[in-house]
């Protein structure tokens, strides 16, 4: 997972405003810092995403929203 995929997943699952607020304010149990802090200090985006999903009790479908099928991507 790339940083850009992390932010797209946050926006898709939580919505832009609420998702950005969560990333900035919610201290993740398994990481001990917020999503923004964790990303800034080098924690892999996938680890941050899974910790955020764990702490907010997301469904499996929501957890894997960033895993779109590359064959379906627009190649223009």
PDB file of N, CA and C in Angstrom:
ATOM      1  N   UNK A   1       0.858  -1.176   0.000  1.00  0.00           N
ATOM      2  CA  UNK A   1       0.000   0.000   0.000  1.00  0.00           C
ATOM      3  C   UNK A   1       0.898   1.232   0.000  1.00  0.00           C
ATOM      4  N   UNK A   2       0.546   2.170  -0.866  1.00  0.00           N
ATOM      5  CA  UNK A   2       1.259   3.442  -0.941  1.00  0.00           C
ATOM      6  C   UNK A   2       0.530   4.468  -0.083  1.00  0.00           C
ATOM      7  N   UNK A   3       1.202   5.569   0.195  1.00  0.00           N
ATOM      8  CA  UNK A   3       0.570   6.643   0.964  1.00  0.00           C
ATOM      9  C   UNK A   3      -0.694   7.138   0.262  1.00  0.00           C
ATOM     10  N   UNK A   4      -0.628   7.276  -1.053  1.00  0.00           N
ATOM     11  CA  UNK A   4      -1.794   7.752  -1.800  1.00  0.00           C
ATOM     12  C   UNK A   4      -2.958   6.766  -1.689  1.00  0.00           C
ATOM     13  N   UNK A   5      -2.665   5.475  -1.675  1.00  0.00           N
ATOM     14  CA  UNK A   5      -3.715   4.469  -1.513  1.00  0.00           C
ATOM     15  C   UNK A   5      -4.309   4.534  -0.107  1.00  0.00           C
ATOM     16  N   UNK A   6      -3.458   4.792   0.882  1.00  0.00           N
ATOM     17  CA  UNK A   6      -3.951   4.958   2.250  1.00  0.00           C
ATOM     18  C   UNK A   6      -4.981   6.078   2.303  1.00  0.00           C
ATOM     19  N   UNK A   7      -4.639   7.237   1.743  1.00  0.00           N
ATOM     20  CA  UNK A   7      -5.545   8.385   1.818  1.00  0.00           C
ATOM     21  C   UNK A   7      -6.809   8.173   1.001  1.00  0.00           C
ATOM     22  N   UNK A   8      -6.702   7.486  -0.148  1.00  0.00           N
ATOM     23  CA  UNK A   8      -7.911   7.157  -0.917  1.00  0.00           C
ATOM     24  C   UNK A   8      -8.812   6.229  -0.118  1.00  0.00           C
ATOM     25  N   UNK A   9      -8.222   5.256   0.581  1.00  0.00           N
ATOM     26  CA  UNK A   9      -9.012   4.336   1.394  1.00  0.00           C
ATOM     27  C   UNK A   9      -9.681   5.072   2.550  1.00  0.00           C
ATOM     28  N   UNK A  10      -8.959   5.971   3.198  1.00  0.00           N
ATOM     29  CA  UNK A  10      -9.538   6.778   4.284  1.00  0.00           C
ATOM     30  C   UNK A  10     -10.747   7.550   3.766  1.00  0.00           C
ATOM     31  N   UNK A  11     -10.584   8.206   2.626  1.00  0.00           N
ATOM     32  CA  UNK A  11     -11.681   8.984   2.049  1.00  0.00           C
ATOM     33  C   UNK A  11     -12.862   8.092   1.670  1.00  0.00           C
ATOM     34  N   UNK A  12     -12.582   6.919   1.103  1.00  0.00           N
ATOM     35  CA  UNK A  12     -13.641   6.023   0.653  1.00  0.00           C
ATOM     36  C   UNK A  12     -14.422   5.427   1.822  1.00  0.00           C
ATOM     37  N   UNK A  13     -13.730   5.056   2.881  1.00  0.00           N
ATOM     38  CA  UNK A  13     -14.385   4.369   4.003  1.00  0.00           C
ATOM     39  C   UNK A  13     -15.001   5.345   4.999  1.00  0.00           C
ATOM     40  N   UNK A  14     -14.313   6.437   5.284  1.00  0.00           N
ATOM     41  CA  UNK A  14     -14.770   7.358   6.333  1.00  0.00           C
ATOM     42  C   UNK A  14     -15.320   8.686   5.806  1.00  0.00           C
ATOM     43  N   UNK A  15     -15.081   8.980   4.546  1.00  0.00           N
ATOM     44  CA  UNK A  15     -15.419  10.297   4.013  1.00  0.00           C
ATOM     45  C   UNK A  15     -14.252  11.239   4.257  1.00  0.00           C
ATOM     46  N   UNK A  16     -14.134  12.233   3.422  1.00  0.00           N
ATOM     47  CA  UNK A  16     -12.963  13.124   3.480  1.00  0.00           C
ATOM     48  C   UNK A  16     -12.784  13.814   4.826  1.00  0.00           C
ATOM     49  N   UNK A  17     -13.783  14.551   5.262  1.00  0.00           N
ATOM     50  CA  UNK A  17     -13.637  15.358   6.489  1.00  0.00           C
ATOM     51  C   UNK A  17     -13.467  14.477   7.719  1.00  0.00           C
ATOM     52  N   UNK A  18     -14.346  13.508   7.910  1.00  0.00           N
ATOM     53  CA  UNK A  18     -14.272  12.651   9.092  1.00  0.00           C
ATOM     54  C   UNK A  18     -13.010  11.796   9.066  1.00  0.00           C
ATOM     55  N   UNK A  19     -12.674  11.272   7.909  1.00  0.00           N
ATOM     56  CA  UNK A  19     -11.484  10.432   7.785  1.00  0.00           C
ATOM     57  C   UNK A  19     -10.209  11.183   8.108  1.00  0.00           C
ATOM     58  N   UNK A  20     -10.107  12.406   7.615  1.00  0.00           N
ATOM     59  CA  UNK A  20      -8.912  13.216   7.889  1.00  0.00           C
ATOM     60  C   UNK A  20      -8.834  13.575   9.371  1.00  0.00           C
ATOM     61  N   UNK A  21      -9.992  13.806   9.974  1.00  0.00           N
ATOM     62  CA  UNK A  21     -10.035  14.097  11.411  1.00  0.00           C
ATOM     63  C   UNK A  21      -9.586  12.879  12.219  1.00  0.00           C
ATOM     64  N   UNK A  22     -10.087  11.701  11.858  1.00  0.00           N
ATOM     65  CA  UNK A  22      -9.665  10.474  12.538  1.00  0.00           C
ATOM     66  C   UNK A  22      -8.156  10.284  12.419  1.00  0.00           C
ATOM     67  N   UNK A  23      -7.642  10.451  11.217  1.00  0.00           N
ATOM     68  CA  UNK A  23      -6.212  10.252  10.976  1.00  0.00           C
ATOM     69  C   UNK A  23      -5.363  11.214  11.797  1.00  0.00           C
ATOM     70  N   UNK A  24      -5.882  12.392  12.019  1.00  0.00           N
ATOM     71  CA  UNK A  24      -5.147  13.416  12.763  1.00  0.00           C
ATOM     72  C   UNK A  24      -5.287  13.250  14.283  1.00  0.00           C
ATOM     73  N   UNK A  25      -6.451  12.782  14.749  1.00  0.00           N
ATOM     74  CA  UNK A  25      -6.761  12.835  16.181  1.00  0.00           C
ATOM     75  C   UNK A  25      -6.783  11.499  16.926  1.00  0.00           C
ATOM     76  N   UNK A  26      -7.140  10.415  16.252  1.00  0.00           N
ATOM     77  CA  UNK A  26      -7.289   9.122  16.930  1.00  0.00           C
ATOM     78  C   UNK A  26      -5.928   8.463  17.140  1.00  0.00           C
ATOM     79  N   UNK A  27      -5.544   8.253  18.395  1.00  0.00           N
ATOM     80  CA  UNK A  27      -4.311   7.532  18.706  1.00  0.00           C
ATOM     81  C   UNK A  27      -4.600   6.043  18.552  1.00  0.00           C
ATOM     82  N   UNK A  28      -3.883   5.408  17.645  1.00  0.00           N
ATOM     83  CA  UNK A  28      -4.112   4.000  17.327  1.00  0.00           C
ATOM     84  C   UNK A  28      -3.519   3.104  18.409  1.00  0.00           C
ATOM     85  N   UNK A  29      -4.343   2.196  18.891  1.00  0.00           N
ATOM     86  CA  UNK A  29      -3.962   1.321  19.999  1.00  0.00           C
ATOM     87  C   UNK A  29      -2.676   0.546  19.717  1.00  0.00           C
ATOM     88  N   UNK A  30      -2.597  -0.090  18.567  1.00  0.00           N
ATOM     89  CA  UNK A  30      -1.450  -0.941  18.265  1.00  0.00           C
ATOM     90  C   UNK A  30      -0.186  -0.196  17.895  1.00  0.00           C
ATOM     91  N   UNK A  31      -0.300   1.099  17.633  1.00  0.00           N
ATOM     92  CA  UNK A  31       0.855   1.873  17.178  1.00  0.00           C
ATOM     93  C   UNK A  31       1.278   2.922  18.209  1.00  0.00           C
ATOM     94  N   UNK A  32       0.328   3.415  18.989  1.00  0.00           N
ATOM     95  CA  UNK A  32       0.647   4.385  20.033  1.00  0.00           C
ATOM     96  C   UNK A  32       0.785   5.816  19.551  1.00  0.00           C
ATOM     97  N   UNK A  33       0.321   6.088  18.360  1.00  0.00           N
ATOM     98  CA  UNK A  33       0.316   7.448  17.815  1.00  0.00           C
ATOM     99  C   UNK A  33      -0.799   7.545  16.789  1.00  0.00           C
ATOM    100  N   UNK A  34      -1.059   8.755  16.305  1.00  0.00           N
ATOM    101  CA  UNK A  34      -2.106   8.926  15.309  1.00  0.00           C
ATOM    102  C   UNK A  34      -1.630   8.393  13.952  1.00  0.00           C
ATOM    103  N   UNK A  35      -2.557   8.235  13.034  1.00  0.00           N
ATOM    104  CA  UNK A  35      -2.196   7.783  11.680  1.00  0.00           C
ATOM    105  C   UNK A  35      -1.210   8.745  11.034  1.00  0.00           C
ATOM    106  N   UNK A  36      -1.470  10.034  11.138  1.00  0.00           N
ATOM    107  CA  UNK A  36      -0.591  11.045  10.539  1.00  0.00           C
ATOM    108  C   UNK A  36       0.801  10.952  11.143  1.00  0.00           C
ATOM    109  N   UNK A  37       0.884  10.872  12.462  1.00  0.00           N
ATOM    110  CA  UNK A  37       2.191  10.762  13.128  1.00  0.00           C
ATOM    111  C   UNK A  37       2.908   9.486  12.713  1.00  0.00           C
ATOM    112  N   UNK A  38       2.172   8.387  12.652  1.00  0.00           N
ATOM    113  CA  UNK A  38       2.771   7.110  12.286  1.00  0.00           C
ATOM    114  C   UNK A  38       3.346   7.161  10.871  1.00  0.00           C
ATOM    115  N   UNK A  39       2.579   7.702   9.940  1.00  0.00           N
ATOM    116  CA  UNK A  39       3.066   7.811   8.561  1.00  0.00           C
ATOM    117  C   UNK A  39       4.297   8.712   8.486  1.00  0.00           C
ATOM    118  N   UNK A  40       4.271   9.808   9.218  1.00  0.00           N
ATOM    119  CA  UNK A  40       5.411  10.744   9.209  1.00  0.00           C
ATOM    120  C   UNK A  40       6.680  10.126   9.783  1.00  0.00           C
ATOM    121  N   UNK A  41       6.527   9.164  10.696  1.00  0.00           N
ATOM    122  CA  UNK A  41       7.702   8.540  11.313  1.00  0.00           C
ATOM    123  C   UNK A  41       8.117   7.246  10.620  1.00  0.00           C
ATOM    124  N   UNK A  42       7.473   6.938   9.486  1.00  0.00           N
ATOM    125  CA  UNK A  42       7.925   5.801   8.688  1.00  0.00           C
ATOM    126  C   UNK A  42       7.198   4.492   8.885  1.00  0.00           C
ATOM    127  N   UNK A  43       6.122   4.482   9.650  1.00  0.00           N
ATOM    128  CA  UNK A  43       5.336   3.249   9.777  1.00  0.00           C
ATOM    129  C   UNK A  43       4.695   2.993   8.412  1.00  0.00           C
ATOM    130  N   UNK A  44       4.792   1.774   7.890  1.00  0.00           N
ATOM    131  CA  UNK A  44       4.221   1.485   6.574  1.00  0.00           C
ATOM    132  C   UNK A  44       2.715   1.792   6.527  1.00  0.00           C
ATOM    133  N   UNK A  45       2.260   2.415   5.436  1.00  0.00           N
ATOM    134  CA  UNK A  45       0.839   2.757   5.324  1.00  0.00           C
ATOM    135  C   UNK A  45      -0.101   1.574   5.536  1.00  0.00           C
ATOM    136  N   UNK A  46       0.273   0.395   5.081  1.00  0.00           N
ATOM    137  CA  UNK A  46      -0.578  -0.785   5.266  1.00  0.00           C
ATOM    138  C   UNK A  46      -0.773  -1.078   6.753  1.00  0.00           C
ATOM    139  N   UNK A  47       0.287  -0.965   7.553  1.00  0.00           N
ATOM    140  CA  UNK A  47       0.186  -1.205   8.994  1.00  0.00           C
ATOM    141  C   UNK A  47      -0.710  -0.166   9.662  1.00  0.00           C
ATOM    142  N   UNK A  48      -0.568   1.079   9.222  1.00  0.00           N
ATOM    143  CA  UNK A  48      -1.397   2.157   9.771  1.00  0.00           C
ATOM    144  C   UNK A  48      -2.858   1.909   9.409  1.00  0.00           C
ATOM    145  N   UNK A  49      -3.112   1.550   8.154  1.00  0.00           N
ATOM    146  CA  UNK A  49      -4.482   1.293   7.702  1.00  0.00           C
ATOM    147  C   UNK A  49      -5.125   0.167   8.506  1.00  0.00           C
ATOM    148  N   UNK A  50      -4.411  -0.925   8.690  1.00  0.00           N
ATOM    149  CA  UNK A  50      -4.976  -2.050   9.437  1.00  0.00           C
ATOM    150  C   UNK A  50      -5.219  -1.682  10.900  1.00  0.00           C
ATOM    151  N   UNK A  51      -4.340  -0.902  11.493  1.00  0.00           N
ATOM    152  CA  UNK A  51      -4.549  -0.449  12.872  1.00  0.00           C
ATOM    153  C   UNK A  51      -5.777   0.458  12.952  1.00  0.00           C
ATOM    154  N   UNK A  52      -5.939   1.341  11.978  1.00  0.00           N
ATOM    155  CA  UNK A  52      -7.107   2.221  11.936  1.00  0.00           C
ATOM    156  C   UNK A  52      -8.383   1.404  11.764  1.00  0.00           C
ATOM    157  N   UNK A  53      -8.352   0.423  10.899  1.00  0.00           N
ATOM    158  CA  UNK A  53      -9.522  -0.457  10.707  1.00  0.00           C
ATOM    159  C   UNK A  53      -9.833  -1.248  11.977  1.00  0.00           C
ATOM    160  N   UNK A  54      -8.809  -1.742  12.654  1.00  0.00           N
ATOM    161  CA  UNK A  54      -9.020  -2.484  13.909  1.00  0.00           C
ATOM    162  C   UNK A  54      -9.683  -1.605  14.959  1.00  0.00           C
ATOM    163  N   UNK A  55      -9.158  -0.407  15.138  1.00  0.00           N
ATOM    164  CA  UNK A  55      -9.656   0.481  16.192  1.00  0.00           C
ATOM    165  C   UNK A  55     -11.042   1.039  15.904  1.00  0.00           C
ATOM    166  N   UNK A  56     -11.433   1.071  14.641  1.00  0.00           N
ATOM    167  CA  UNK A  56     -12.751   1.604  14.286  1.00  0.00           C
ATOM    168  C   UNK A  56     -13.718   0.505  13.858  1.00  0.00           C
ATOM    169  N   UNK A  57     -13.296  -0.741  14.041  1.00  0.00           N
ATOM    170  CA  UNK A  57     -14.141  -1.920  13.791  1.00  0.00           C
ATOM    171  C   UNK A  57     -14.763  -1.924  12.394  1.00  0.00           C
ATOM    172  N   UNK A  58     -13.911  -1.793  11.385  1.00  0.00           N
ATOM    173  CA  UNK A  58     -14.358  -1.813   9.991  1.00  0.00           C
ATOM    174  C   UNK A  58     -14.632  -3.248   9.542  1.00  0.00           C
ATOM    175  N   UNK A  59     -15.492  -3.394   8.546  1.00  0.00           N
ATOM    176  CA  UNK A  59     -15.789  -4.709   7.964  1.00  0.00           C
ATOM    177  C   UNK A  59     -14.617  -5.157   7.095  1.00  0.00           C
ATOM    178  N   UNK A  60     -14.616  -6.424   6.720  1.00  0.00           N
ATOM    179  CA  UNK A  60     -13.566  -6.933   5.832  1.00  0.00           C
ATOM    180  C   UNK A  60     -13.599  -6.222   4.481  1.00  0.00           C
ATOM    181  N   UNK A  61     -14.790  -5.954   3.974  1.00  0.00           N
ATOM    182  CA  UNK A  61     -14.907  -5.244   2.690  1.00  0.00           C
ATOM    183  C   UNK A  61     -14.294  -3.851   2.786  1.00  0.00           C
ATOM    184  N   UNK A  62     -14.555  -3.152   3.877  1.00  0.00           N
ATOM    185  CA  UNK A  62     -13.972  -1.827   4.062  1.00  0.00           C
ATOM    186  C   UNK A  62     -12.459  -1.908   4.237  1.00  0.00           C
ATOM    187  N   UNK A  63     -11.996  -2.905   4.960  1.00  0.00           N
ATOM    188  CA  UNK A  63     -10.559  -3.076   5.217  1.00  0.00           C
ATOM    189  C   UNK A  63      -9.771  -3.224   3.915  1.00  0.00           C
ATOM    190  N   UNK A  64     -10.363  -3.881   2.933  1.00  0.00           N
ATOM    191  CA  UNK A  64      -9.638  -4.174   1.700  1.00  0.00           C
ATOM    192  C   UNK A  64     -10.065  -3.287   0.532  1.00  0.00           C
ATOM    193  N   UNK A  65     -10.709  -2.164   0.810  1.00  0.00           N
ATOM    194  CA  UNK A  65     -11.201  -1.274  -0.240  1.00  0.00           C
ATOM    195  C   UNK A  65     -10.086  -0.779  -1.163  1.00  0.00           C
ATOM    196  N   UNK A  66      -8.888  -0.670  -0.672  1.00  0.00           N
ATOM    197  CA  UNK A  66      -7.774  -0.158  -1.475  1.00  0.00           C
ATOM    198  C   UNK A  66      -7.256  -1.175  -2.478  1.00  0.00           C
ATOM    199  N   UNK A  67      -7.681  -2.411  -2.358  1.00  0.00           N
ATOM    200  CA  UNK A  67      -7.192  -3.477  -3.232  1.00  0.00           C
ATOM    201  C   UNK A  67      -8.050  -3.600  -4.486  1.00  0.00           C
ATOM    202  N   UNK A  68      -8.104  -2.556  -5.284  1.00  0.00           N
ATOM    203  CA  UNK A  68      -8.896  -2.629  -6.506  1.00  0.00           C
ATOM    204  C   UNK A  68      -8.179  -3.486  -7.542  1.00  0.00           C
ATOM    205  N   UNK A  69      -8.936  -3.994  -8.465  1.00  0.00           N
ATOM    206  CA  UNK A  69      -8.415  -4.852  -9.510  1.00  0.00           C
ATOM    207  C   UNK A  69      -7.654  -3.990 -10.528  1.00  0.00           C
ATOM    208  N   UNK A  70      -6.339  -4.202 -10.688  1.00  0.00           N
ATOM    209  CA  UNK A  70      -5.554  -3.362 -11.600  1.00  0.00           C
ATOM    210  C   UNK A  70      -6.052  -3.447 -13.045  1.00  0.00           C
ATOM    211  N   UNK A  71      -6.723  -4.528 -13.417  1.00  0.00           N
ATOM    212  CA  UNK A  71      -7.250  -4.645 -14.771  1.00  0.00           C
ATOM    213  C   UNK A  71      -8.390  -3.677 -15.015  1.00  0.00           C
ATOM    214  N   UNK A  72      -9.009  -3.186 -13.925  1.00  0.00           N
ATOM    215  CA  UNK A  72     -10.135  -2.277 -14.058  1.00  0.00           C
ATOM    216  C   UNK A  72      -9.718  -0.817 -14.012  1.00  0.00           C
ATOM    217  N   UNK A  73      -8.445  -0.545 -13.774  1.00  0.00           N
ATOM    218  CA  UNK A  73      -7.970   0.842 -13.696  1.00  0.00           C
ATOM    219  C   UNK A  73      -8.021   1.488 -15.073  1.00  0.00           C
ATOM    220  N   UNK A  74      -8.292   2.749 -15.077  1.00  0.00           N
ATOM    221  CA  UNK A  74      -8.301   3.521 -16.316  1.00  0.00           C
ATOM    222  C   UNK A  74      -6.860   3.696 -16.785  1.00  0.00           C
ATOM    223  N   UNK A  75      -6.556   3.317 -18.001  1.00  0.00           N
ATOM    224  CA  UNK A  75      -5.177   3.346 -18.495  1.00  0.00           C
ATOM    225  C   UNK A  75      -4.942   4.502 -19.470  1.00  0.00           C
ATOM    226  N   UNK A  76      -5.769   5.500 -19.445  1.00  0.00           N
ATOM    227  CA  UNK A  76      -5.587   6.635 -20.355  1.00  0.00           C
ATOM    228  C   UNK A  76      -4.377   7.439 -20.020  1.00  0.00           C
TER     229      UNK A  76
END
